[in-house]
C-alpha atoms as a PDB file:
ATOM      1  CA  MET A   1     140.497  35.351 -73.146  1.00  0.00           C
ATOM      2  CA  HIS A   2     138.439  34.785 -70.000  1.00  0.00           C
ATOM      3  CA  ASP A   3     140.134  33.985 -66.725  1.00  0.00           C
ATOM      4  CA  ALA A   4     139.743  30.414 -65.488  1.00  0.00           C
ATOM      5  CA  LEU A   5     137.214  29.724 -62.762  1.00  0.00           C
ATOM      6  CA  GLN A   6     138.825  30.043 -59.337  1.00  0.00           C
ATOM      7  CA  LEU A   7     138.727  26.554 -57.871  1.00  0.00           C
ATOM      8  CA  THR A   8     138.528  26.617 -54.074  1.00  0.00           C
ATOM      9  CA  PRO A   9     137.581  24.187 -51.311  1.00  0.00           C
ATOM     10  CA  TRP A  10     134.374  26.193 -50.736  1.00  0.00           C
ATOM     11  CA  LEU A  11     133.382  25.867 -54.400  1.00  0.00           C
ATOM     12  CA  GLY A  12     134.253  22.185 -54.358  1.00  0.00           C
ATOM     13  CA  GLU A  13     132.054  21.561 -51.323  1.00  0.00           C
ATOM     14  CA  PHE A  14     129.194  23.529 -52.880  1.00  0.00           C
ATOM     15  CA  ALA A  15     129.403  21.793 -56.265  1.00  0.00           C
ATOM     16  CA  GLY A  16     129.893  18.319 -54.815  1.00  0.00           C
ATOM     17  CA  THR A  17     127.015  18.648 -52.367  1.00  0.00           C
ATOM     18  CA  PHE A  18     124.825  20.023 -55.149  1.00  0.00           C
ATOM     19  CA  ILE A  19     125.441  16.933 -57.290  1.00  0.00           C
ATOM     20  CA  LEU A  20     125.012  14.566 -54.334  1.00  0.00           C
ATOM     21  CA  ILE A  21     121.631  16.016 -53.341  1.00  0.00           C
ATOM     22  CA  LEU A  22     120.373  16.453 -56.902  1.00  0.00           C
ATOM     23  CA  LEU A  23     120.973  12.776 -57.688  1.00  0.00           C
ATOM     24  CA  GLY A  24     119.774  11.630 -54.264  1.00  0.00           C
ATOM     25  CA  SER A  25     116.598  13.698 -54.251  1.00  0.00           C
ATOM     26  CA  GLY A  26     116.181  12.759 -57.899  1.00  0.00           C
ATOM     27  CA  VAL A  27     116.046   9.049 -57.158  1.00  0.00           C
ATOM     28  CA  ASN A  28     113.651   9.731 -54.275  1.00  0.00           C
ATOM     29  CA  ALA A  29     111.386  11.658 -56.637  1.00  0.00           C
ATOM     30  CA  SER A  30     111.641   9.051 -59.369  1.00  0.00           C
ATOM     31  CA  VAL A  31     110.464   6.330 -57.012  1.00  0.00           C
ATOM     32  CA  SER A  32     107.842   8.358 -55.119  1.00  0.00           C
ATOM     33  CA  LEU A  33     106.111  10.611 -57.629  1.00  0.00           C
ATOM     34  CA  ARG A  34     103.221   9.540 -59.830  1.00  0.00           C
ATOM     35  CA  LYS A  35     103.699   8.865 -63.538  1.00  0.00           C
ATOM     36  CA  THR A  36     107.481   8.503 -63.549  1.00  0.00           C
ATOM     37  CA  TYR A  37     108.975   5.439 -65.206  1.00  0.00           C
ATOM     38  CA  ALA A  38     110.561   4.445 -61.880  1.00  0.00           C
ATOM     39  CA  GLU A  39     107.416   4.811 -59.737  1.00  0.00           C
ATOM     40  CA  ASN A  40     107.420   2.316 -56.831  1.00  0.00           C
ATOM     41  CA  ALA A  41     110.821   0.919 -57.870  1.00  0.00           C
ATOM     42  CA  GLY A  42     111.706   0.306 -54.205  1.00  0.00           C
ATOM     43  CA  TRP A  43     114.394   0.611 -51.567  1.00  0.00           C
ATOM     44  CA  MET A  44     117.167  -1.032 -53.566  1.00  0.00           C
ATOM     45  CA  VAL A  45     116.841   1.643 -56.239  1.00  0.00           C
ATOM     46  CA  VAL A  46     116.803   4.412 -53.620  1.00  0.00           C
ATOM     47  CA  THR A  47     119.919   3.190 -51.804  1.00  0.00           C
ATOM     48  CA  THR A  48     121.757   2.587 -55.082  1.00  0.00           C
ATOM     49  CA  GLY A  49     120.860   6.048 -56.366  1.00  0.00           C
ATOM     50  CA  TRP A  50     122.148   7.694 -53.200  1.00  0.00           C
ATOM     51  CA  ALA A  51     125.376   5.660 -53.277  1.00  0.00           C
ATOM     52  CA  LEU A  52     126.057   6.685 -56.859  1.00  0.00           C
ATOM     53  CA  GLY A  53     125.151  10.243 -55.911  1.00  0.00           C
ATOM     54  CA  VAL A  54     127.905  10.131 -53.291  1.00  0.00           C
ATOM     55  CA  LEU A  55     130.375   8.871 -55.879  1.00  0.00           C
ATOM     56  CA  CYS A  56     129.486  11.612 -58.359  1.00  0.00           C
ATOM     57  CA  GLY A  57     129.441  14.256 -55.633  1.00  0.00           C
ATOM     58  CA  VAL A  58     132.869  13.307 -54.306  1.00  0.00           C
ATOM     59  CA  LEU A  59     134.421  13.330 -57.780  1.00  0.00           C
ATOM     60  CA  THR A  60     132.837  16.718 -58.534  1.00  0.00           C
ATOM     61  CA  ALA A  61     134.012  18.209 -55.239  1.00  0.00           C
ATOM     62  CA  GLN A  62     137.561  17.049 -55.857  1.00  0.00           C
ATOM     63  CA  ALA A  63     137.551  18.385 -59.418  1.00  0.00           C
ATOM     64  CA  PHE A  64     136.280  21.792 -58.269  1.00  0.00           C
ATOM     65  CA  GLY A  65     138.812  22.323 -55.516  1.00  0.00           C
ATOM     66  CA  SER A  66     137.991  20.286 -52.396  1.00  0.00           C
ATOM     67  CA  PRO A  67     140.324  17.276 -52.218  1.00  0.00           C
ATOM     68  CA  GLY A  68     138.706  16.045 -48.977  1.00  0.00           C
ATOM     69  CA  ALA A  69     135.226  16.161 -50.545  1.00  0.00           C
ATOM     70  CA  HIS A  70     133.299  16.174 -47.266  1.00  0.00           C
ATOM     71  CA  LEU A  71     129.832  17.063 -48.678  1.00  0.00           C
ATOM     72  CA  ASN A  72     128.529  16.649 -45.160  1.00  0.00           C
ATOM     73  CA  PRO A  73     128.750  18.826 -42.016  1.00  0.00           C
ATOM     74  CA  ALA A  74     129.152  15.666 -39.939  1.00  0.00           C
ATOM     75  CA  ILE A  75     132.253  14.668 -41.909  1.00  0.00           C
ATOM     76  CA  THR A  76     133.612  18.209 -41.619  1.00  0.00           C
ATOM     77  CA  LEU A  77     133.097  18.138 -37.842  1.00  0.00           C
ATOM     78  CA  SER A  78     134.773  14.754 -37.432  1.00  0.00           C
ATOM     79  CA  SER A  79     137.717  15.871 -39.573  1.00  0.00           C
ATOM     80  CA  ALA A  80     138.109  18.972 -37.420  1.00  0.00           C
ATOM     81  CA  ILE A  81     138.080  16.867 -34.256  1.00  0.00           C
ATOM     82  CA  ILE A  82     140.656  14.460 -35.667  1.00  0.00           C
ATOM     83  CA  SER A  83     143.005  17.205 -36.868  1.00  0.00           C
ATOM     84  CA  GLY A  84     142.286  19.803 -34.192  1.00  0.00           C
ATOM     85  CA  ASP A  85     141.790  22.403 -36.938  1.00  0.00           C
ATOM     86  CA  PHE A  86     138.303  23.945 -36.850  1.00  0.00           C
ATOM     87  CA  SER A  87     139.085  26.842 -39.218  1.00  0.00           C
ATOM     88  CA  HIS A  88     137.109  25.400 -42.171  1.00  0.00           C
ATOM     89  CA  LEU A  89     134.032  24.408 -40.190  1.00  0.00           C
ATOM     90  CA  ILE A  90     131.719  27.362 -40.852  1.00  0.00           C
ATOM     91  CA  GLY A  91     132.866  27.879 -44.438  1.00  0.00           C
ATOM     92  CA  PHE A  92     132.368  24.260 -45.426  1.00  0.00           C
ATOM     93  CA  TRP A  93     129.034  24.062 -43.613  1.00  0.00           C
ATOM     94  CA  SER A  94     127.756  27.094 -45.527  1.00  0.00           C
ATOM     95  CA  ALA A  95     128.847  25.611 -48.878  1.00  0.00           C
ATOM     96  CA  GLN A  96     127.235  22.270 -48.102  1.00  0.00           C
ATOM     97  CA  LEU A  97     123.954  23.814 -46.967  1.00  0.00           C
ATOM     98  CA  LEU A  98     123.698  26.128 -49.984  1.00  0.00           C
ATOM     99  CA  GLY A  99     124.558  23.297 -52.359  1.00  0.00           C
ATOM    100  CA  ALA A 100     121.796  21.161 -50.852  1.00  0.00           C
ATOM    101  CA  MET A 101     119.270  24.003 -51.063  1.00  0.00           C
ATOM    102  CA  CYS A 102     120.058  24.687 -54.719  1.00  0.00           C
ATOM    103  CA  ALA A 103     119.815  20.987 -55.575  1.00  0.00           C
ATOM    104  CA  ALA A 104     116.420  20.700 -53.877  1.00  0.00           C
ATOM    105  CA  THR A 105     115.165  23.639 -55.933  1.00  0.00           C
ATOM    106  CA  ILE A 106     116.342  22.057 -59.188  1.00  0.00           C
ATOM    107  CA  THR A 107     114.694  18.775 -58.169  1.00  0.00           C
ATOM    108  CA  TRP A 108     111.380  20.581 -57.747  1.00  0.00           C
ATOM    109  CA  LEU A 109     111.694  22.151 -61.188  1.00  0.00           C
ATOM    110  CA  PHE A 110     112.898  18.957 -62.868  1.00  0.00           C
ATOM    111  CA  PHE A 111     109.843  16.969 -61.734  1.00  0.00           C
ATOM    112  CA  TYR A 112     107.469  19.937 -61.981  1.00  0.00           C
ATOM    113  CA  PRO A 113     104.413  18.282 -63.643  1.00  0.00           C
ATOM    114  CA  HIS A 114     104.540  15.276 -61.302  1.00  0.00           C
ATOM    115  CA  TRP A 115     103.908  17.087 -58.003  1.00  0.00           C
ATOM    116  CA  GLU A 116     100.305  17.914 -58.815  1.00  0.00           C
ATOM    117  CA  LEU A 117      99.586  14.326 -59.854  1.00  0.00           C
ATOM    118  CA  THR A 118     100.929  12.942 -56.563  1.00  0.00           C
ATOM    119  CA  GLU A 119      98.407  13.106 -53.727  1.00  0.00           C
ATOM    120  CA  ALA A 120     100.507  11.727 -50.870  1.00  0.00           C
ATOM    121  CA  GLN A 121     101.952  14.669 -48.949  1.00  0.00           C
ATOM    122  CA  GLY A 122     104.300  12.405 -46.983  1.00  0.00           C
ATOM    123  CA  ALA A 123     105.782  11.027 -50.204  1.00  0.00           C
ATOM    124  CA  LYS A 124     106.478  14.558 -51.411  1.00  0.00           C
ATOM    125  CA  LEU A 125     108.183  15.483 -48.148  1.00  0.00           C
ATOM    126  CA  GLY A 126     110.248  12.301 -48.252  1.00  0.00           C
ATOM    127  CA  ILE A 127     111.779  13.385 -51.535  1.00  0.00           C
ATOM    128  CA  PHE A 128     113.367  16.355 -49.776  1.00  0.00           C
ATOM    129  CA  CYS A 129     114.201  15.096 -46.298  1.00  0.00           C
ATOM    130  CA  THR A 130     114.081  12.125 -43.983  1.00  0.00           C
ATOM    131  CA  GLY A 131     111.476  10.921 -41.523  1.00  0.00           C
ATOM    132  CA  PRO A 132     111.032   7.916 -39.265  1.00  0.00           C
ATOM    133  CA  ALA A 133     109.258   4.769 -40.398  1.00  0.00           C
ATOM    134  CA  ILE A 134     107.939   4.576 -36.812  1.00  0.00           C
ATOM    135  CA  PRO A 135     108.018   7.884 -34.915  1.00  0.00           C
ATOM    136  CA  HIS A 136     109.896   7.141 -31.697  1.00  0.00           C
ATOM    137  CA  LEU A 137     112.324   9.942 -31.019  1.00  0.00           C
ATOM    138  CA  PRO A 138     114.779   8.078 -28.753  1.00  0.00           C
ATOM    139  CA  SER A 139     115.088   5.248 -31.283  1.00  0.00           C
ATOM    140  CA  ASN A 140     115.170   7.622 -34.227  1.00  0.00           C
ATOM    141  CA  LEU A 141     117.933   9.682 -32.605  1.00  0.00           C
ATOM    142  CA  PHE A 142     119.901   6.548 -31.712  1.00  0.00           C
ATOM    143  CA  GLY A 143     119.566   5.279 -35.268  1.00  0.00           C
ATOM    144  CA  GLU A 144     121.012   8.462 -36.750  1.00  0.00           C
ATOM    145  CA  ILE A 145     123.843   8.491 -34.199  1.00  0.00           C
ATOM    146  CA  VAL A 146     124.796   4.882 -34.982  1.00  0.00           C
ATOM    147  CA  ALA A 147     124.536   5.216 -38.772  1.00  0.00           C
ATOM    148  CA  THR A 148     126.640   8.390 -38.824  1.00  0.00           C
ATOM    149  CA  PHE A 149     129.150   6.859 -36.418  1.00  0.00           C
ATOM    150  CA  VAL A 150     129.546   3.942 -38.851  1.00  0.00           C
ATOM    151  CA  LEU A 151     129.922   6.348 -41.783  1.00  0.00           C
ATOM    152  CA  VAL A 152     132.733   8.300 -40.144  1.00  0.00           C
ATOM    153  CA  LEU A 153     134.474   5.299 -38.587  1.00  0.00           C
ATOM    154  CA  VAL A 154     134.574   3.190 -41.753  1.00  0.00           C
ATOM    155  CA  ALA A 155     135.500   6.179 -43.923  1.00  0.00           C
ATOM    156  CA  GLY A 156     138.422   6.710 -41.555  1.00  0.00           C
ATOM    157  CA  ALA A 157     139.320   3.035 -41.851  1.00  0.00           C
ATOM    158  CA  ILE A 158     139.233   3.171 -45.655  1.00  0.00           C
ATOM    159  CA  PHE A 159     141.945   5.824 -45.679  1.00  0.00           C
ATOM    160  CA  SER A 160     143.921   4.405 -42.734  1.00  0.00           C
ATOM    161  CA  HIS A 161     147.432   2.986 -42.717  1.00  0.00           C
ATOM    162  CA  GLY A 162     145.975  -0.275 -41.465  1.00  0.00           C
ATOM    163  CA  VAL A 163     144.256  -0.800 -44.812  1.00  0.00           C
ATOM    164  CA  SER A 164     147.183   0.418 -46.917  1.00  0.00           C
ATOM    165  CA  ALA A 165     150.363   2.236 -46.047  1.00  0.00           C
ATOM    166  CA  ASN A 166     149.580   4.837 -48.716  1.00  0.00           C
ATOM    167  CA  GLY A 167     145.787   4.713 -48.568  1.00  0.00           C
ATOM    168  CA  PRO A 168     143.549   3.215 -51.261  1.00  0.00           C
ATOM    169  CA  ALA A 169     144.794   2.938 -54.831  1.00  0.00           C
ATOM    170  CA  PRO A 170     144.475   6.258 -56.687  1.00  0.00           C
ATOM    171  CA  GLY A 171     140.869   6.866 -57.712  1.00  0.00           C
ATOM    172  CA  MET A 172     139.449   4.065 -55.560  1.00  0.00           C
ATOM    173  CA  GLY A 173     138.562   6.174 -52.511  1.00  0.00           C
ATOM    174  CA  PRO A 174     135.313   7.613 -53.913  1.00  0.00           C
ATOM    175  CA  TRP A 175     134.130   4.162 -54.984  1.00  0.00           C
ATOM    176  CA  LEU A 176     134.803   2.717 -51.537  1.00  0.00           C
ATOM    177  CA  VAL A 177     133.000   5.584 -49.796  1.00  0.00           C
ATOM    178  CA  ALA A 178     130.041   5.178 -52.153  1.00  0.00           C
ATOM    179  CA  SER A 179     129.952   1.458 -51.301  1.00  0.00           C
ATOM    180  CA  LEU A 180     130.005   2.372 -47.609  1.00  0.00           C
ATOM    181  CA  VAL A 181     126.989   4.671 -48.022  1.00  0.00           C
ATOM    182  CA  TRP A 182     125.206   1.972 -50.030  1.00  0.00           C
ATOM    183  CA  GLY A 183     125.834  -0.528 -47.239  1.00  0.00           C
ATOM    184  CA  ILE A 184     124.591   1.871 -44.569  1.00  0.00           C
ATOM    185  CA  GLY A 185     121.446   2.505 -46.577  1.00  0.00           C
ATOM    186  CA  LEU A 186     120.729  -1.194 -47.008  1.00  0.00           C
ATOM    187  CA  SER A 187     121.502  -2.226 -43.426  1.00  0.00           C
ATOM    188  CA  LEU A 188     120.822   0.781 -41.190  1.00  0.00           C
ATOM    189  CA  GLY A 189     118.749   3.124 -43.332  1.00  0.00           C
ATOM    190  CA  ALA A 190     115.241   1.705 -43.298  1.00  0.00           C
ATOM    191  CA  THR A 191     114.147   3.078 -39.907  1.00  0.00           C
ATOM    192  CA  THR A 192     114.895   6.799 -40.354  1.00  0.00           C
ATOM    193  CA  GLY A 193     115.776   7.181 -44.032  1.00  0.00           C
ATOM    194  CA  TYR A 194     119.478   7.525 -43.056  1.00  0.00           C
ATOM    195  CA  ALA A 195     120.124  11.235 -43.330  1.00  0.00           C
ATOM    196  CA  ILE A 196     123.687  10.759 -41.959  1.00  0.00           C
ATOM    197  CA  ASN A 197     124.216  14.325 -43.190  1.00  0.00           C
ATOM    198  CA  PRO A 198     122.646  17.424 -41.595  1.00  0.00           C
ATOM    199  CA  ALA A 199     122.921  19.530 -44.773  1.00  0.00           C
ATOM    200  CA  ARG A 200     121.272  16.797 -46.822  1.00  0.00           C
ATOM    201  CA  ASP A 201     118.253  16.897 -44.519  1.00  0.00           C
ATOM    202  CA  PHE A 202     117.972  20.518 -43.387  1.00  0.00           C
ATOM    203  CA  GLY A 203     118.666  22.277 -46.704  1.00  0.00           C
ATOM    204  CA  PRO A 204     116.036  20.403 -48.741  1.00  0.00           C
ATOM    205  CA  ARG A 205     113.572  20.479 -45.824  1.00  0.00           C
ATOM    206  CA  LEU A 206     113.895  24.268 -45.803  1.00  0.00           C
ATOM    207  CA  MET A 207     113.247  24.393 -49.543  1.00  0.00           C
ATOM    208  CA  HIS A 208     110.206  22.128 -49.137  1.00  0.00           C
ATOM    209  CA  PHE A 209     108.912  24.734 -46.701  1.00  0.00           C
ATOM    210  CA  LEU A 210     109.704  27.699 -49.000  1.00  0.00           C
ATOM    211  CA  LEU A 211     108.891  26.412 -52.489  1.00  0.00           C
ATOM    212  CA  PRO A 212     105.337  26.503 -53.934  1.00  0.00           C
ATOM    213  CA  ILE A 213     105.153  22.720 -54.328  1.00  0.00           C
ATOM    214  CA  ALA A 214     101.720  21.618 -55.520  1.00  0.00           C
ATOM    215  CA  GLY A 215      99.732  19.910 -52.761  1.00  0.00           C
ATOM    216  CA  LYS A 216     102.549  19.831 -50.223  1.00  0.00           C
ATOM    217  CA  GLY A 217     101.868  19.403 -46.522  1.00  0.00           C
ATOM    218  CA  SER A 218     103.864  20.042 -43.375  1.00  0.00           C
ATOM    219  CA  SER A 219     107.662  20.108 -43.471  1.00  0.00           C
ATOM    220  CA  ASN A 220     107.679  18.188 -40.139  1.00  0.00           C
ATOM    221  CA  TRP A 221     109.905  20.637 -38.277  1.00  0.00           C
ATOM    222  CA  LYS A 222     109.329  18.808 -35.001  1.00  0.00           C
ATOM    223  CA  TYR A 223     111.549  16.014 -36.351  1.00  0.00           C
ATOM    224  CA  ALA A 224     114.114  18.234 -38.097  1.00  0.00           C
ATOM    225  CA  TRP A 225     116.476  18.391 -35.105  1.00  0.00           C
ATOM    226  CA  VAL A 226     117.029  14.608 -35.075  1.00  0.00           C
ATOM    227  CA  PRO A 227     119.161  14.418 -38.269  1.00  0.00           C
ATOM    228  CA  ILE A 228     121.150  17.418 -37.054  1.00  0.00           C
ATOM    229  CA  VAL A 229     121.815  16.482 -33.426  1.00  0.00           C
ATOM    230  CA  GLY A 230     122.039  12.750 -34.093  1.00  0.00           C
ATOM    231  CA  ASP A 231     124.378  13.039 -37.064  1.00  0.00           C
ATOM    232  CA  LEU A 232     126.724  15.557 -35.459  1.00  0.00           C
ATOM    233  CA  THR A 233     126.806  13.467 -32.264  1.00  0.00           C
ATOM    234  CA  GLY A 234     127.638  10.266 -34.129  1.00  0.00           C
ATOM    235  CA  ALA A 235     130.320  12.052 -36.134  1.00  0.00           C
ATOM    236  CA  ALA A 236     131.869  13.620 -33.037  1.00  0.00           C
ATOM    237  CA  LEU A 237     132.024  10.264 -31.248  1.00  0.00           C
ATOM    238  CA  ALA A 238     133.630   8.567 -34.248  1.00  0.00           C
ATOM    239  CA  GLY A 239     136.021  11.491 -34.679  1.00  0.00           C
ATOM    240  CA  LEU A 240     137.148  11.190 -31.064  1.00  0.00           C
ATOM    241  CA  LEU A 241     137.712   7.440 -31.518  1.00  0.00           C
ATOM    242  CA  LEU A 242     139.702   7.968 -34.706  1.00  0.00           C
ATOM    243  CA  ARG A 243     141.801  10.688 -33.067  1.00  0.00           C
ATOM    244  CA  TRP A 244     142.538   8.366 -30.167  1.00  0.00           C
ATOM    245  CA  ALA A 245     143.333   5.416 -32.449  1.00  0.00           C
ATOM    246  CA  HIS A 246     145.669   7.418 -34.717  1.00  0.00           C
ATOM    247  CA  LEU A 247     144.498   5.518 -37.771  1.00  0.00           C
END
């Protein structure tokens, strides 16, 4: 008889982030690449796909050993600030980044015949990572800070005593967080593509750079710092507020 798989928080973060990015990048590819059945399906499909990706990623992370199911270095940072415990920071960040990189690779393979048929290099890049609708770095940075601040603040509110003395009803938390991400995408996502997650942006951007994607262009590294600095800043600010509020 084989031993059971060792379920750990690291494995949970890796597996959950993998599912999140695979489904998220998958909906991006479905809408952006030529000759898919969902070609040009639009922003509503993209935001819905990412929200459901969050739901599936959270459930997977919890099943594989990470009850907190961060899937996001920004969430991990805010949780560390709230609790004062930074011991899991590097470990979780590594799991999240590797999960995102593996998911981006599978996305490339899954849609393999469609890359060559798609001429737009920007559309191909947008499947892997975010970019501004209008390049204006101060506004782009502010947008990522605000969107990530909202993500962390409302996620904290969902699980606060002010909403329910014992938190959401069992099993409802992932659905509420997915709805939160859907709302952010619809309301605050259309200017930068709402990374709100440094691993979600950096890991796939790195794979776009490394993989032999047919007809790809630049990976736009000059913008890559915005979803990292902006998201971690927004998360830190929200984490400080939540620590002060004792929600």
